[in-house]
Amino acid sequence: MITLRMTADVPNNRQVTLLLPAEVPPGPAELVVTVESPNADRECERAEALERFLTSARASSFRSDGPYPSRAELHERH
């Protein structure tokens, strides 16, 4: 398998032509095209933030010492 990484400016007609290097043999080939979304960096930041939050939440030992109060106890008026 030969892996190539190229960048291209995509014109309005969305047509891109590639000239492959000589080490790519002629004949049938499977080409994979990946287009990064404009928000890829933001999505990566969100995923990292979520992972940090989940790690922190899993490590937390915060919990109630007793039974949870009833609705009436929560809304008692003094």
N, C-alpha and C. Protein backbone atom coordinates (compact mmCIF):
# COMPACT_ATOMS: atom_id res chain seq x y z
N MET A 1 0.84 -1.17 0.00
CA MET A 1 0.00 0.00 0.00
C MET A 1 0.89 1.24 0.00
N ILE A 2 0.54 2.19 -0.80
CA ILE A 2 1.25 3.47 -0.86
C ILE A 2 0.32 4.52 -0.29
N THR A 3 0.81 5.29 0.67
CA THR A 3 0.00 6.34 1.26
C THR A 3 0.53 7.69 0.80
N LEU A 4 -0.35 8.49 0.25
CA LEU A 4 0.01 9.83 -0.21
C LEU A 4 -0.84 10.85 0.52
N ARG A 5 -0.24 11.95 0.90
CA ARG A 5 -1.00 13.05 1.50
C ARG A 5 -0.78 14.26 0.63
N MET A 6 -1.87 14.81 0.12
CA MET A 6 -1.79 15.97 -0.76
C MET A 6 -2.81 17.00 -0.32
N THR A 7 -2.55 18.22 -0.64
CA THR A 7 -3.54 19.27 -0.41
C THR A 7 -3.95 19.82 -1.76
N ALA A 8 -5.16 20.36 -1.82
CA ALA A 8 -5.65 20.90 -3.08
C ALA A 8 -6.61 22.04 -2.80
N ASP A 9 -6.68 22.97 -3.72
CA ASP A 9 -7.70 24.00 -3.68
C ASP A 9 -8.88 23.48 -4.50
N VAL A 10 -10.03 23.38 -3.87
CA VAL A 10 -11.21 22.87 -4.56
C VAL A 10 -11.92 24.04 -5.24
N PRO A 11 -12.04 24.01 -6.57
CA PRO A 11 -12.70 25.11 -7.27
C PRO A 11 -14.23 24.99 -7.16
N ASN A 12 -14.92 25.99 -7.66
CA ASN A 12 -16.39 26.00 -7.59
C ASN A 12 -17.03 24.78 -8.23
N ASN A 13 -16.41 24.23 -9.28
CA ASN A 13 -16.99 23.06 -9.93
C ASN A 13 -16.69 21.75 -9.19
N ARG A 14 -15.94 21.83 -8.09
CA ARG A 14 -15.59 20.71 -7.22
C ARG A 14 -14.78 19.63 -7.95
N GLN A 15 -14.08 19.98 -9.00
CA GLN A 15 -13.30 19.02 -9.77
C GLN A 15 -11.82 19.19 -9.49
N VAL A 16 -11.18 18.11 -9.05
CA VAL A 16 -9.75 18.13 -8.73
C VAL A 16 -9.07 17.02 -9.54
N THR A 17 -7.94 17.34 -10.14
CA THR A 17 -7.17 16.36 -10.90
C THR A 17 -5.87 16.08 -10.15
N LEU A 18 -5.53 14.80 -9.99
CA LEU A 18 -4.31 14.41 -9.29
C LEU A 18 -3.33 13.77 -10.25
N LEU A 19 -2.09 14.13 -10.15
CA LEU A 19 -1.01 13.46 -10.88
C LEU A 19 -0.26 12.64 -9.84
N LEU A 20 -0.34 11.33 -9.97
CA LEU A 20 0.27 10.45 -8.98
C LEU A 20 1.74 10.22 -9.30
N PRO A 21 2.56 9.99 -8.27
CA PRO A 21 3.99 9.75 -8.50
C PRO A 21 4.23 8.41 -9.22
N ALA A 22 5.43 8.28 -9.78
CA ALA A 22 5.79 7.11 -10.58
C ALA A 22 5.70 5.79 -9.82
N GLU A 23 5.87 5.81 -8.49
CA GLU A 23 5.83 4.55 -7.74
C GLU A 23 4.42 3.96 -7.63
N VAL A 24 3.40 4.71 -8.05
CA VAL A 24 2.04 4.17 -8.05
C VAL A 24 1.87 3.39 -9.35
N PRO A 25 1.63 2.07 -9.25
CA PRO A 25 1.53 1.26 -10.46
C PRO A 25 0.23 1.53 -11.22
N PRO A 26 0.26 1.41 -12.53
CA PRO A 26 -0.97 1.55 -13.30
C PRO A 26 -1.90 0.36 -13.05
N GLY A 27 -3.17 0.53 -13.27
CA GLY A 27 -4.15 -0.53 -13.07
C GLY A 27 -5.17 -0.13 -12.04
N PRO A 28 -6.05 -1.04 -11.69
CA PRO A 28 -7.10 -0.73 -10.72
C PRO A 28 -6.50 -0.32 -9.37
N ALA A 29 -7.12 0.65 -8.74
CA ALA A 29 -6.66 1.12 -7.43
C ALA A 29 -7.86 1.62 -6.64
N GLU A 30 -7.76 1.52 -5.34
CA GLU A 30 -8.78 2.10 -4.46
C GLU A 30 -8.22 3.39 -3.92
N LEU A 31 -8.95 4.49 -4.16
CA LEU A 31 -8.53 5.80 -3.66
C LEU A 31 -9.46 6.21 -2.54
N VAL A 32 -8.90 6.75 -1.49
CA VAL A 32 -9.69 7.24 -0.36
C VAL A 32 -9.47 8.74 -0.28
N VAL A 33 -10.56 9.50 -0.30
CA VAL A 33 -10.48 10.96 -0.22
C VAL A 33 -11.07 11.39 1.11
N THR A 34 -10.31 12.18 1.86
CA THR A 34 -10.77 12.71 3.14
C THR A 34 -10.79 14.22 3.06
N VAL A 35 -11.92 14.81 3.39
CA VAL A 35 -12.04 16.26 3.41
C VAL A 35 -12.32 16.66 4.85
N GLU A 36 -11.38 17.39 5.44
CA GLU A 36 -11.55 17.85 6.82
C GLU A 36 -12.66 18.89 6.86
N SER A 37 -13.53 18.75 7.85
CA SER A 37 -14.58 19.76 7.99
C SER A 37 -13.97 21.03 8.58
N PRO A 38 -14.53 22.18 8.26
CA PRO A 38 -13.99 23.43 8.81
C PRO A 38 -13.98 23.46 10.33
N ASN A 39 -14.85 22.66 10.95
CA ASN A 39 -14.95 22.65 12.41
C ASN A 39 -14.20 21.48 13.04
N ALA A 40 -13.31 20.84 12.28
CA ALA A 40 -12.61 19.66 12.80
C ALA A 40 -11.84 19.97 14.07
N ASP A 41 -11.16 21.13 14.12
CA ASP A 41 -10.40 21.49 15.32
C ASP A 41 -11.34 21.67 16.51
N ARG A 42 -12.47 22.31 16.27
CA ARG A 42 -13.44 22.55 17.35
C ARG A 42 -14.01 21.22 17.85
N GLU A 43 -14.30 20.30 16.94
CA GLU A 43 -14.81 18.99 17.33
C GLU A 43 -13.78 18.24 18.16
N CYS A 44 -12.53 18.36 17.80
CA CYS A 44 -11.45 17.71 18.54
C CYS A 44 -11.35 18.30 19.95
N GLU A 45 -11.45 19.63 20.05
CA GLU A 45 -11.42 20.29 21.37
C GLU A 45 -12.58 19.80 22.23
N ARG A 46 -13.78 19.68 21.64
CA ARG A 46 -14.94 19.21 22.40
C ARG A 46 -14.73 17.79 22.90
N ALA A 47 -14.21 16.93 22.03
CA ALA A 47 -13.97 15.54 22.42
C ALA A 47 -12.96 15.46 23.56
N GLU A 48 -11.91 16.26 23.49
CA GLU A 48 -10.90 16.28 24.55
C GLU A 48 -11.49 16.82 25.84
N ALA A 49 -12.32 17.86 25.76
CA ALA A 49 -12.95 18.42 26.96
C ALA A 49 -13.89 17.40 27.59
N LEU A 50 -14.65 16.69 26.77
CA LEU A 50 -15.56 15.67 27.29
C LEU A 50 -14.78 14.57 27.99
N GLU A 51 -13.68 14.15 27.40
CA GLU A 51 -12.86 13.10 28.01
C GLU A 51 -12.29 13.56 29.36
N ARG A 52 -11.83 14.83 29.43
CA ARG A 52 -11.33 15.37 30.71
C ARG A 52 -12.44 15.39 31.76
N PHE A 53 -13.64 15.81 31.35
CA PHE A 53 -14.78 15.85 32.27
C PHE A 53 -15.11 14.45 32.78
N LEU A 54 -15.19 13.48 31.85
CA LEU A 54 -15.54 12.12 32.26
C LEU A 54 -14.48 11.51 33.17
N THR A 55 -13.23 11.78 32.90
CA THR A 55 -12.14 11.29 33.76
C THR A 55 -12.29 11.87 35.16
N SER A 56 -12.57 13.17 35.24
CA SER A 56 -12.75 13.82 36.53
C SER A 56 -13.99 13.28 37.25
N ALA A 57 -15.08 13.10 36.52
CA ALA A 57 -16.32 12.60 37.12
C ALA A 57 -16.13 11.19 37.67
N ARG A 58 -15.43 10.36 36.91
CA ARG A 58 -15.19 8.97 37.37
C ARG A 58 -14.31 8.93 38.62
N ALA A 59 -13.41 9.90 38.75
CA ALA A 59 -12.50 9.93 39.90
C ALA A 59 -13.15 10.58 41.12
N SER A 60 -14.28 11.21 40.95
CA SER A 60 -14.93 11.93 42.05
C SER A 60 -15.50 10.96 43.08
N SER A 61 -15.36 11.32 44.33
CA SER A 61 -15.95 10.51 45.40
C SER A 61 -17.11 11.26 46.05
N PHE A 62 -17.60 12.31 45.42
CA PHE A 62 -18.72 13.09 45.96
C PHE A 62 -19.97 12.23 45.95
N ARG A 63 -20.63 12.16 47.10
CA ARG A 63 -21.88 11.42 47.20
C ARG A 63 -22.62 11.87 48.44
N SER A 64 -23.87 11.56 48.49
CA SER A 64 -24.71 11.91 49.64
C SER A 64 -24.38 10.98 50.80
N ASP A 65 -24.38 11.53 52.03
CA ASP A 65 -24.12 10.70 53.21
C ASP A 65 -25.36 9.97 53.69
N GLY A 66 -26.52 10.43 53.30
CA GLY A 66 -27.75 9.81 53.76
C GLY A 66 -28.76 9.73 52.65
N PRO A 67 -30.01 9.43 53.01
CA PRO A 67 -31.05 9.34 52.00
C PRO A 67 -31.34 10.73 51.42
N TYR A 68 -31.79 10.74 50.20
CA TYR A 68 -32.13 12.02 49.58
C TYR A 68 -33.37 12.59 50.24
N PRO A 69 -33.46 13.91 50.39
CA PRO A 69 -34.66 14.50 50.99
C PRO A 69 -35.86 14.33 50.08
N SER A 70 -37.04 14.27 50.71
CA SER A 70 -38.27 14.16 49.93
C SER A 70 -38.59 15.52 49.30
N ARG A 71 -39.53 15.53 48.39
CA ARG A 71 -39.94 16.78 47.75
C ARG A 71 -40.47 17.76 48.79
N ALA A 72 -41.25 17.25 49.75
CA ALA A 72 -41.81 18.12 50.78
C ALA A 72 -40.69 18.73 51.62
N GLU A 73 -39.65 17.95 51.94
CA GLU A 73 -38.53 18.47 52.73
C GLU A 73 -37.74 19.53 51.94
N LEU A 74 -37.64 19.32 50.67
CA LEU A 74 -36.94 20.30 49.84
C LEU A 74 -37.65 21.64 49.80
N HIS A 75 -38.98 21.58 49.83
CA HIS A 75 -39.77 22.81 49.66
C HIS A 75 -40.45 23.28 50.95
N GLU A 76 -39.91 22.82 52.11
CA GLU A 76 -40.47 23.28 53.39
C GLU A 76 -40.35 24.78 53.51
N ARG A 77 -41.36 25.38 54.01
CA ARG A 77 -41.33 26.84 54.23
C ARG A 77 -41.21 27.06 55.74
N HIS A 78 -40.34 27.95 56.09
CA HIS A 78 -40.14 28.23 57.53
C HIS A 78 -40.85 29.48 57.92
